[in-house]
Amino acid sequence: MKSTRHPALHTCGVLTVASFAIALAGCSGTGQQSASAQASVPPAAGETAPAKQASLTPFQGVIPSTPSNRQCSLDGINGQPAGNAGAVASGSAVVFGGWAGNGQGQTADQFVFVLKGAQDSFSAPLTTGVERPDVAKVWNSEGMTKSGYNISVALTGVAAGTYSLFIADPANPAADCDLHRTLSVQ
C-alpha cells in the first residue's frame, strides 16, 4: 500500500523543524544571553521581600559608555512597572526592585545602585538575595537564583533632574550594567 501525505501536513512538519532550528540557533551555550533574552525575564510573581533601606552617597566611579554586562533588570519603581514610574519628588523615598548578576552568571555581590545625573551622581549599596528562579532559568545559571533585589533610598540632597540608572561594581567597571531606565526627580 502506497503512503500518501497531505500537503498541509508536510508543510506543518517543515515549519516545526524550521522553528526548532531557529530556536536552537539563538542558544550560545556559554550561559550568556542577548539583550532580547534579558528583556524576556518578567518580574517575579508575588515578589514580596521587604526593601532594604540604603543611604545615597556621592558616586565617584566611572560608568563605561557602553557597559558589557547585560545581567540586570529594573522591574519596578515604587511598586509600579519601571517604565511607568513617572516623576518622584526630591527628598522622597523610592523603592527599586529587580535583579542583578555580575556578567558571569552569578549574583551581583558588593555592587552599588547608581543614579547618574548630568552634574551629580549618587550610589547606594545593593543587596541581592531575593529568590528569582525565573532569572536563573532564563540565564541557565543556578548562580542567579538569589539575584533579586528590593532597595529603598531617600532622595535627600538629590537635585531635580533626570538620572540614568545603573548597577555598578566599584572594583570592576567592566561588570557595570545599564538598567536602560531613567528616574525623573522634581
N, C-alpha and C. Protein backbone atom coordinates (compact mmCIF):
# COMPACT_ATOMS: atom_id res chain seq x y z
N MET A 1 0.84 -1.17 0.00
CA MET A 1 0.00 0.00 0.00
C MET A 1 0.89 1.23 0.00
N LYS A 2 0.58 2.13 -0.88
CA LYS A 2 1.39 3.33 -1.05
C LYS A 2 0.96 4.38 -0.03
N SER A 3 1.96 4.97 0.62
CA SER A 3 1.68 6.02 1.61
C SER A 3 1.54 7.37 0.91
N THR A 4 0.52 8.08 1.30
CA THR A 4 0.33 9.43 0.75
C THR A 4 0.29 10.42 1.89
N ARG A 5 0.83 11.57 1.67
CA ARG A 5 0.83 12.63 2.68
C ARG A 5 -0.01 13.78 2.18
N HIS A 6 -0.69 14.34 3.09
CA HIS A 6 -1.45 15.54 2.77
C HIS A 6 -0.46 16.70 2.71
N PRO A 7 -0.50 17.56 1.67
CA PRO A 7 0.46 18.66 1.54
C PRO A 7 0.49 19.59 2.75
N ALA A 8 -0.64 19.82 3.39
CA ALA A 8 -0.68 20.72 4.55
C ALA A 8 0.09 20.12 5.72
N LEU A 9 0.02 18.77 5.90
CA LEU A 9 0.75 18.14 6.99
C LEU A 9 2.26 18.20 6.74
N HIS A 10 2.68 18.05 5.50
CA HIS A 10 4.10 18.15 5.18
C HIS A 10 4.61 19.57 5.48
N THR A 11 3.86 20.57 5.09
CA THR A 11 4.25 21.97 5.35
C THR A 11 4.34 22.21 6.84
N CYS A 12 3.39 21.67 7.61
CA CYS A 12 3.39 21.85 9.06
C CYS A 12 4.66 21.25 9.67
N GLY A 13 5.04 20.05 9.21
CA GLY A 13 6.25 19.41 9.72
C GLY A 13 7.50 20.20 9.41
N VAL A 14 7.58 20.75 8.20
CA VAL A 14 8.73 21.56 7.79
C VAL A 14 8.80 22.81 8.65
N LEU A 15 7.67 23.45 8.90
CA LEU A 15 7.66 24.66 9.73
C LEU A 15 8.06 24.35 11.16
N THR A 16 7.64 23.20 11.68
CA THR A 16 8.03 22.82 13.04
C THR A 16 9.53 22.63 13.13
N VAL A 17 10.12 21.91 12.17
CA VAL A 17 11.57 21.70 12.16
C VAL A 17 12.30 23.02 12.01
N ALA A 18 11.82 23.91 11.14
CA ALA A 18 12.47 25.21 10.93
C ALA A 18 12.39 26.05 12.20
N SER A 19 11.25 26.03 12.90
CA SER A 19 11.11 26.79 14.14
C SER A 19 12.07 26.28 15.20
N PHE A 20 12.22 24.97 15.30
CA PHE A 20 13.14 24.38 16.27
C PHE A 20 14.58 24.78 15.96
N ALA A 21 14.94 24.76 14.69
CA ALA A 21 16.30 25.12 14.29
C ALA A 21 16.59 26.58 14.61
N ILE A 22 15.63 27.45 14.38
CA ILE A 22 15.82 28.87 14.69
C ILE A 22 15.97 29.06 16.18
N ALA A 23 15.16 28.35 16.98
CA ALA A 23 15.26 28.46 18.43
C ALA A 23 16.63 28.01 18.92
N LEU A 24 17.15 26.91 18.35
CA LEU A 24 18.48 26.43 18.75
C LEU A 24 19.57 27.39 18.33
N ALA A 25 19.41 28.05 17.22
CA ALA A 25 20.44 28.98 16.74
C ALA A 25 20.63 30.13 17.71
N GLY A 26 19.60 30.47 18.47
CA GLY A 26 19.72 31.55 19.44
C GLY A 26 20.46 31.17 20.69
N CYS A 27 20.74 29.89 20.88
CA CYS A 27 21.44 29.44 22.08
C CYS A 27 22.93 29.52 21.85
N SER A 28 23.64 30.12 22.80
CA SER A 28 25.08 30.24 22.63
C SER A 28 25.85 29.17 23.38
N GLY A 29 25.22 28.56 24.39
CA GLY A 29 25.89 27.51 25.14
C GLY A 29 26.88 28.03 26.16
N THR A 30 27.07 29.34 26.24
CA THR A 30 28.04 29.90 27.18
C THR A 30 27.39 30.44 28.42
N GLY A 31 26.06 30.39 28.49
CA GLY A 31 25.37 30.96 29.64
C GLY A 31 25.10 32.43 29.44
N GLN A 32 25.67 33.05 28.41
CA GLN A 32 25.42 34.45 28.13
C GLN A 32 24.20 34.56 27.24
N GLN A 33 23.38 35.54 27.49
CA GLN A 33 22.17 35.74 26.72
C GLN A 33 22.22 37.10 26.05
N SER A 34 21.45 37.25 25.00
CA SER A 34 21.38 38.53 24.31
C SER A 34 20.53 39.50 25.11
N ALA A 35 20.57 40.77 24.72
CA ALA A 35 19.75 41.78 25.38
C ALA A 35 18.28 41.45 25.24
N SER A 36 17.88 40.84 24.11
CA SER A 36 16.47 40.49 23.96
C SER A 36 16.07 39.38 24.92
N ALA A 37 16.98 38.46 25.24
CA ALA A 37 16.67 37.43 26.22
C ALA A 37 16.55 38.06 27.59
N GLN A 38 17.38 39.05 27.86
CA GLN A 38 17.30 39.74 29.14
C GLN A 38 15.93 40.35 29.31
N ALA A 39 15.41 40.97 28.27
CA ALA A 39 14.13 41.63 28.35
C ALA A 39 12.99 40.64 28.53
N SER A 40 13.21 39.34 28.22
CA SER A 40 12.14 38.37 28.32
C SER A 40 11.92 37.87 29.74
N VAL A 41 12.75 38.27 30.69
CA VAL A 41 12.57 37.83 32.06
C VAL A 41 11.55 38.74 32.72
N PRO A 42 10.36 38.21 33.01
CA PRO A 42 9.34 39.05 33.63
C PRO A 42 9.63 39.25 35.11
N PRO A 43 8.99 40.26 35.72
CA PRO A 43 9.13 40.41 37.17
C PRO A 43 8.65 39.14 37.86
N ALA A 44 9.24 38.83 39.00
CA ALA A 44 8.85 37.63 39.73
C ALA A 44 7.43 37.79 40.25
N ALA A 45 6.64 36.77 40.07
CA ALA A 45 5.27 36.80 40.56
C ALA A 45 5.27 36.75 42.08
N GLY A 46 4.53 37.64 42.68
CA GLY A 46 4.38 37.63 44.12
C GLY A 46 5.63 37.99 44.88
N GLU A 47 6.56 38.70 44.27
CA GLU A 47 7.79 39.08 44.95
C GLU A 47 7.43 39.99 46.11
N THR A 48 7.68 39.53 47.33
CA THR A 48 7.22 40.26 48.50
C THR A 48 8.34 40.60 49.47
N ALA A 49 9.57 40.39 49.11
CA ALA A 49 10.67 40.67 50.02
C ALA A 49 10.68 42.16 50.37
N PRO A 50 10.85 42.47 51.65
CA PRO A 50 10.88 43.89 52.03
C PRO A 50 12.10 44.59 51.43
N ALA A 51 11.93 45.87 51.16
CA ALA A 51 13.03 46.65 50.59
C ALA A 51 14.07 46.92 51.67
N LYS A 52 15.34 46.78 51.28
CA LYS A 52 16.45 47.11 52.18
C LYS A 52 16.64 48.62 52.17
N GLN A 53 16.75 49.23 53.34
CA GLN A 53 16.99 50.66 53.44
C GLN A 53 18.45 50.94 53.12
N ALA A 54 18.70 51.92 52.29
CA ALA A 54 20.07 52.27 51.91
C ALA A 54 20.19 53.79 51.81
N SER A 55 21.37 54.28 52.11
CA SER A 55 21.64 55.72 52.02
C SER A 55 22.41 56.02 50.75
N LEU A 56 22.02 57.10 50.09
CA LEU A 56 22.75 57.56 48.91
C LEU A 56 23.98 58.34 49.32
N THR A 57 25.06 58.11 48.61
CA THR A 57 26.28 58.88 48.80
C THR A 57 26.75 59.33 47.41
N PRO A 58 27.58 60.36 47.35
CA PRO A 58 28.09 60.76 46.02
C PRO A 58 28.84 59.60 45.37
N PHE A 59 28.59 59.39 44.08
CA PHE A 59 29.26 58.32 43.33
C PHE A 59 30.43 58.94 42.59
N GLN A 60 31.63 58.44 42.86
CA GLN A 60 32.85 58.96 42.26
C GLN A 60 33.36 58.07 41.13
N GLY A 61 32.75 56.91 40.95
CA GLY A 61 33.22 55.96 39.95
C GLY A 61 32.91 56.42 38.53
N VAL A 62 33.37 55.64 37.60
CA VAL A 62 33.15 55.91 36.18
C VAL A 62 32.33 54.76 35.62
N ILE A 63 31.24 55.10 34.95
CA ILE A 63 30.43 54.10 34.27
C ILE A 63 30.90 54.07 32.81
N PRO A 64 31.28 52.91 32.29
CA PRO A 64 31.68 52.85 30.87
C PRO A 64 30.54 53.34 29.96
N SER A 65 30.90 53.92 28.83
CA SER A 65 29.87 54.46 27.94
C SER A 65 28.94 53.36 27.42
N THR A 66 29.44 52.16 27.28
CA THR A 66 28.60 51.02 26.89
C THR A 66 28.97 49.81 27.75
N PRO A 67 28.37 49.73 28.95
CA PRO A 67 28.67 48.59 29.82
C PRO A 67 28.36 47.27 29.11
N SER A 68 29.21 46.27 29.31
CA SER A 68 29.05 45.00 28.61
C SER A 68 28.20 43.98 29.38
N ASN A 69 28.05 44.15 30.68
CA ASN A 69 27.24 43.23 31.48
C ASN A 69 25.76 43.46 31.15
N ARG A 70 25.06 42.41 30.75
CA ARG A 70 23.64 42.50 30.43
C ARG A 70 22.78 41.77 31.45
N GLN A 71 23.39 41.33 32.54
CA GLN A 71 22.67 40.56 33.54
C GLN A 71 22.11 41.45 34.64
N CYS A 72 21.15 42.30 34.27
CA CYS A 72 20.48 43.12 35.26
C CYS A 72 19.15 43.60 34.70
N SER A 73 18.26 43.95 35.61
CA SER A 73 16.97 44.48 35.20
C SER A 73 16.38 45.30 36.34
N LEU A 74 15.68 46.35 35.98
CA LEU A 74 14.89 47.11 36.94
C LEU A 74 13.44 46.81 36.60
N ASP A 75 12.78 46.05 37.45
CA ASP A 75 11.41 45.63 37.18
C ASP A 75 10.39 46.66 37.65
N GLY A 76 10.68 47.32 38.78
CA GLY A 76 9.68 48.23 39.33
C GLY A 76 10.28 49.39 40.10
N ILE A 77 9.54 50.48 40.13
CA ILE A 77 9.87 51.65 40.92
C ILE A 77 8.62 52.01 41.72
N ASN A 78 8.75 52.01 43.04
CA ASN A 78 7.63 52.29 43.93
C ASN A 78 6.42 51.41 43.64
N GLY A 79 6.67 50.14 43.35
CA GLY A 79 5.59 49.19 43.13
C GLY A 79 4.93 49.25 41.77
N GLN A 80 5.40 50.13 40.91
CA GLN A 80 4.86 50.25 39.55
C GLN A 80 5.88 49.68 38.57
N PRO A 81 5.41 49.19 37.41
CA PRO A 81 6.39 48.76 36.40
C PRO A 81 7.38 49.89 36.11
N ALA A 82 8.64 49.56 35.99
CA ALA A 82 9.69 50.57 35.86
C ALA A 82 9.44 51.57 34.74
N GLY A 83 8.83 51.13 33.65
CA GLY A 83 8.56 52.03 32.53
C GLY A 83 7.44 53.01 32.79
N ASN A 84 6.67 52.81 33.86
CA ASN A 84 5.52 53.67 34.16
C ASN A 84 5.69 54.45 35.45
N ALA A 85 6.91 54.62 35.92
CA ALA A 85 7.15 55.18 37.25
C ALA A 85 6.78 56.65 37.37
N GLY A 86 6.89 57.42 36.31
CA GLY A 86 6.62 58.85 36.42
C GLY A 86 7.72 59.56 37.18
N ALA A 87 7.41 60.74 37.67
CA ALA A 87 8.39 61.55 38.40
C ALA A 87 8.25 61.33 39.90
N VAL A 88 9.36 61.52 40.61
CA VAL A 88 9.36 61.43 42.06
C VAL A 88 9.89 62.75 42.63
N ALA A 89 9.50 63.04 43.84
CA ALA A 89 9.90 64.30 44.47
C ALA A 89 11.27 64.17 45.10
N SER A 90 12.08 65.22 44.97
CA SER A 90 13.37 65.27 45.64
C SER A 90 13.13 65.15 47.14
N GLY A 91 13.92 64.33 47.80
CA GLY A 91 13.76 64.12 49.23
C GLY A 91 12.86 62.95 49.59
N SER A 92 12.07 62.47 48.64
CA SER A 92 11.16 61.35 48.93
C SER A 92 11.91 60.03 48.93
N ALA A 93 11.26 59.02 49.50
CA ALA A 93 11.83 57.67 49.48
C ALA A 93 11.35 56.97 48.21
N VAL A 94 12.25 56.20 47.59
CA VAL A 94 11.93 55.47 46.37
C VAL A 94 12.37 54.03 46.55
N VAL A 95 11.51 53.10 46.13
CA VAL A 95 11.84 51.68 46.20
C VAL A 95 12.07 51.18 44.77
N PHE A 96 13.25 50.59 44.57
CA PHE A 96 13.62 49.99 43.28
C PHE A 96 13.64 48.48 43.47
N GLY A 97 13.10 47.75 42.51
CA GLY A 97 13.11 46.29 42.58
C GLY A 97 13.49 45.68 41.25
N GLY A 98 14.28 44.63 41.28
CA GLY A 98 14.70 43.96 40.05
C GLY A 98 15.64 42.82 40.37
N TRP A 99 16.60 42.61 39.50
CA TRP A 99 17.60 41.56 39.70
C TRP A 99 18.92 41.99 39.09
N ALA A 100 20.02 41.42 39.62
CA ALA A 100 21.35 41.81 39.15
C ALA A 100 22.32 40.64 39.22
N GLY A 101 23.06 40.47 38.12
CA GLY A 101 24.13 39.49 38.05
C GLY A 101 25.45 40.17 37.75
N ASN A 102 26.52 39.43 37.87
CA ASN A 102 27.86 40.00 37.70
C ASN A 102 28.40 39.89 36.27
N GLY A 103 27.57 39.42 35.34
CA GLY A 103 28.02 39.23 33.96
C GLY A 103 28.67 37.88 33.73
N GLN A 104 28.84 37.10 34.80
CA GLN A 104 29.47 35.78 34.72
C GLN A 104 28.51 34.68 35.17
N GLY A 105 27.21 35.00 35.23
CA GLY A 105 26.22 34.00 35.63
C GLY A 105 26.08 33.83 37.12
N GLN A 106 26.60 34.78 37.90
CA GLN A 106 26.48 34.73 39.36
C GLN A 106 25.77 36.00 39.85
N THR A 107 25.19 35.91 41.02
CA THR A 107 24.53 37.06 41.63
C THR A 107 25.54 38.18 41.87
N ALA A 108 25.11 39.42 41.61
CA ALA A 108 25.97 40.58 41.86
C ALA A 108 26.28 40.65 43.36
N ASP A 109 27.55 40.81 43.70
CA ASP A 109 27.99 40.87 45.09
C ASP A 109 28.83 42.14 45.27
N GLN A 110 28.49 42.92 46.26
CA GLN A 110 29.18 44.17 46.59
C GLN A 110 29.08 45.18 45.44
N PHE A 111 27.96 45.18 44.75
CA PHE A 111 27.68 46.17 43.72
C PHE A 111 26.94 47.34 44.36
N VAL A 112 26.78 48.41 43.61
CA VAL A 112 26.02 49.56 44.07
C VAL A 112 24.97 49.92 43.02
N PHE A 113 23.89 50.53 43.50
CA PHE A 113 22.83 51.03 42.63
C PHE A 113 23.16 52.49 42.37
N VAL A 114 23.25 52.90 41.10
CA VAL A 114 23.74 54.24 40.75
C VAL A 114 22.66 55.07 40.06
N LEU A 115 22.53 56.31 40.50
CA LEU A 115 21.74 57.33 39.82
C LEU A 115 22.75 58.28 39.20
N LYS A 116 22.87 58.27 37.88
CA LYS A 116 23.87 59.07 37.19
C LYS A 116 23.19 60.28 36.55
N GLY A 117 23.50 61.48 37.09
CA GLY A 117 22.93 62.71 36.56
C GLY A 117 23.91 63.46 35.69
N ALA A 118 23.41 64.52 35.06
CA ALA A 118 24.27 65.34 34.20
C ALA A 118 25.36 66.02 35.02
N GLN A 119 25.04 66.43 36.24
CA GLN A 119 26.02 67.10 37.10
C GLN A 119 26.54 66.21 38.22
N ASP A 120 25.63 65.60 38.96
CA ASP A 120 25.99 64.79 40.11
C ASP A 120 25.48 63.37 39.94
N SER A 121 26.18 62.44 40.56
CA SER A 121 25.75 61.05 40.56
C SER A 121 25.78 60.54 42.00
N PHE A 122 24.91 59.57 42.28
CA PHE A 122 24.77 59.04 43.63
C PHE A 122 24.73 57.52 43.56
N SER A 123 25.12 56.88 44.67
CA SER A 123 25.05 55.42 44.73
C SER A 123 24.61 54.98 46.11
N ALA A 124 24.10 53.75 46.16
CA ALA A 124 23.71 53.11 47.42
C ALA A 124 24.11 51.64 47.31
N PRO A 125 24.54 51.05 48.43
CA PRO A 125 24.89 49.62 48.39
C PRO A 125 23.69 48.79 47.93
N LEU A 126 23.95 47.84 47.07
CA LEU A 126 22.90 46.97 46.54
C LEU A 126 23.00 45.61 47.23
N THR A 127 21.90 45.20 47.84
CA THR A 127 21.85 43.89 48.48
C THR A 127 20.91 43.00 47.68
N THR A 128 21.47 41.92 47.14
CA THR A 128 20.65 40.93 46.45
C THR A 128 20.28 39.85 47.45
N GLY A 129 19.55 38.86 47.02
CA GLY A 129 19.18 37.76 47.90
C GLY A 129 17.72 37.36 47.75
N VAL A 130 16.94 38.13 46.98
CA VAL A 130 15.55 37.78 46.73
C VAL A 130 15.54 36.62 45.72
N GLU A 131 14.80 35.58 46.02
CA GLU A 131 14.73 34.41 45.14
C GLU A 131 14.18 34.80 43.77
N ARG A 132 14.91 34.47 42.71
CA ARG A 132 14.47 34.72 41.33
C ARG A 132 14.76 33.48 40.48
N PRO A 133 14.01 32.38 40.71
CA PRO A 133 14.23 31.18 39.90
C PRO A 133 13.94 31.43 38.42
N ASP A 134 13.10 32.42 38.11
CA ASP A 134 12.82 32.75 36.71
C ASP A 134 14.07 33.26 36.01
N VAL A 135 14.85 34.08 36.72
CA VAL A 135 16.09 34.61 36.16
C VAL A 135 17.10 33.49 35.98
N ALA A 136 17.24 32.64 36.99
CA ALA A 136 18.17 31.51 36.89
C ALA A 136 17.83 30.62 35.70
N LYS A 137 16.56 30.43 35.45
CA LYS A 137 16.14 29.59 34.33
C LYS A 137 16.48 30.23 32.99
N VAL A 138 16.18 31.52 32.82
CA VAL A 138 16.47 32.21 31.56
C VAL A 138 17.96 32.23 31.28
N TRP A 139 18.78 32.49 32.29
CA TRP A 139 20.22 32.56 32.11
C TRP A 139 20.88 31.19 32.23
N ASN A 140 20.09 30.15 32.51
CA ASN A 140 20.61 28.80 32.64
C ASN A 140 21.77 28.76 33.64
N SER A 141 21.54 29.41 34.81
CA SER A 141 22.59 29.50 35.81
C SER A 141 21.98 29.51 37.21
N GLU A 142 22.26 28.46 37.97
CA GLU A 142 21.79 28.40 39.35
C GLU A 142 22.37 29.54 40.18
N GLY A 143 23.51 30.08 39.75
CA GLY A 143 24.14 31.19 40.46
C GLY A 143 23.32 32.47 40.44
N MET A 144 22.28 32.51 39.61
CA MET A 144 21.42 33.69 39.52
C MET A 144 20.13 33.54 40.33
N THR A 145 19.98 32.42 41.05
CA THR A 145 18.75 32.14 41.77
C THR A 145 18.40 33.22 42.79
N LYS A 146 19.38 33.76 43.48
CA LYS A 146 19.12 34.79 44.50
C LYS A 146 19.60 36.16 44.02
N SER A 147 19.33 36.47 42.76
CA SER A 147 19.80 37.72 42.17
C SER A 147 18.82 38.89 42.36
N GLY A 148 17.67 38.63 42.96
CA GLY A 148 16.68 39.69 43.13
C GLY A 148 17.07 40.71 44.18
N TYR A 149 16.59 41.94 44.01
CA TYR A 149 16.83 42.99 45.00
C TYR A 149 15.59 43.87 45.13
N ASN A 150 15.44 44.43 46.30
CA ASN A 150 14.48 45.49 46.60
C ASN A 150 15.24 46.47 47.48
N ILE A 151 15.41 47.68 47.00
CA ILE A 151 16.20 48.67 47.72
C ILE A 151 15.39 49.96 47.85
N SER A 152 15.38 50.51 49.05
CA SER A 152 14.69 51.77 49.30
C SER A 152 15.73 52.84 49.61
N VAL A 153 15.66 53.94 48.88
CA VAL A 153 16.58 55.05 49.12
C VAL A 153 15.80 56.35 49.27
N ALA A 154 16.28 57.21 50.15
CA ALA A 154 15.71 58.55 50.29
C ALA A 154 16.49 59.47 49.37
N LEU A 155 15.79 60.23 48.57
CA LEU A 155 16.44 61.13 47.61
C LEU A 155 16.83 62.46 48.26
N THR A 156 17.23 62.40 49.52
CA THR A 156 17.68 63.57 50.25
C THR A 156 18.95 64.13 49.60
N GLY A 157 18.92 65.41 49.26
CA GLY A 157 20.08 66.04 48.64
C GLY A 157 20.21 65.79 47.15
N VAL A 158 19.25 65.08 46.56
CA VAL A 158 19.29 64.81 45.12
C VAL A 158 18.52 65.93 44.41
N ALA A 159 19.24 66.68 43.59
CA ALA A 159 18.64 67.82 42.89
C ALA A 159 17.67 67.34 41.80
N ALA A 160 16.74 68.22 41.45
CA ALA A 160 15.81 67.92 40.36
C ALA A 160 16.61 67.65 39.08
N GLY A 161 16.13 66.71 38.29
CA GLY A 161 16.78 66.38 37.04
C GLY A 161 16.47 64.96 36.63
N THR A 162 17.06 64.53 35.56
CA THR A 162 16.87 63.17 35.06
C THR A 162 18.14 62.38 35.34
N TYR A 163 17.96 61.21 35.90
CA TYR A 163 19.09 60.36 36.29
C TYR A 163 18.99 59.01 35.57
N SER A 164 20.07 58.61 34.93
CA SER A 164 20.16 57.27 34.33
C SER A 164 20.49 56.29 35.45
N LEU A 165 19.94 55.09 35.37
CA LEU A 165 20.09 54.11 36.44
C LEU A 165 20.99 52.95 36.00
N PHE A 166 21.91 52.59 36.89
CA PHE A 166 22.90 51.55 36.63
C PHE A 166 23.09 50.68 37.86
N ILE A 167 23.62 49.49 37.64
CA ILE A 167 24.17 48.64 38.70
C ILE A 167 25.67 48.65 38.42
N ALA A 168 26.48 48.97 39.44
CA ALA A 168 27.92 49.10 39.21
C ALA A 168 28.72 48.30 40.23
N ASP A 169 29.86 47.81 39.76
CA ASP A 169 30.82 47.12 40.61
C ASP A 169 32.00 48.06 40.80
N PRO A 170 32.13 48.69 41.97
CA PRO A 170 33.22 49.64 42.18
C PRO A 170 34.61 49.04 41.95
N ALA A 171 34.75 47.74 42.13
CA ALA A 171 36.06 47.09 41.95
C ALA A 171 36.32 46.67 40.50
N ASN A 172 35.26 46.64 39.68
CA ASN A 172 35.43 46.15 38.31
C ASN A 172 34.41 46.83 37.38
N PRO A 173 34.73 48.01 36.85
CA PRO A 173 33.78 48.71 35.98
C PRO A 173 33.33 47.90 34.76
N ALA A 174 34.10 46.89 34.37
CA ALA A 174 33.69 46.04 33.24
C ALA A 174 32.43 45.25 33.58
N ALA A 175 32.10 45.10 34.86
CA ALA A 175 30.91 44.36 35.28
C ALA A 175 29.70 45.28 35.47
N ASP A 176 29.85 46.58 35.20
CA ASP A 176 28.73 47.51 35.35
C ASP A 176 27.62 47.14 34.38
N CYS A 177 26.39 47.45 34.76
CA CYS A 177 25.23 47.05 33.96
C CYS A 177 24.26 48.23 33.83
N ASP A 178 23.91 48.56 32.61
CA ASP A 178 22.97 49.64 32.31
C ASP A 178 21.54 49.10 32.45
N LEU A 179 20.74 49.72 33.32
CA LEU A 179 19.36 49.29 33.52
C LEU A 179 18.43 49.82 32.43
N HIS A 180 18.91 50.68 31.56
CA HIS A 180 18.13 51.24 30.46
C HIS A 180 16.86 51.92 30.95
N ARG A 181 16.96 52.58 32.08
CA ARG A 181 15.85 53.32 32.67
C ARG A 181 16.38 54.64 33.20
N THR A 182 15.48 55.61 33.27
CA THR A 182 15.82 56.89 33.90
C THR A 182 14.81 57.18 35.00
N LEU A 183 15.23 58.02 35.93
CA LEU A 183 14.37 58.47 37.00
C LEU A 183 14.30 59.99 36.92
N SER A 184 13.10 60.51 36.87
CA SER A 184 12.90 61.96 36.84
C SER A 184 12.62 62.42 38.26
N VAL A 185 13.50 63.29 38.77
CA VAL A 185 13.35 63.83 40.12
C VAL A 185 12.90 65.28 40.00
N GLN A 186 11.83 65.63 40.70
CA GLN A 186 11.31 67.01 40.65
C GLN A 186 11.46 67.70 41.97
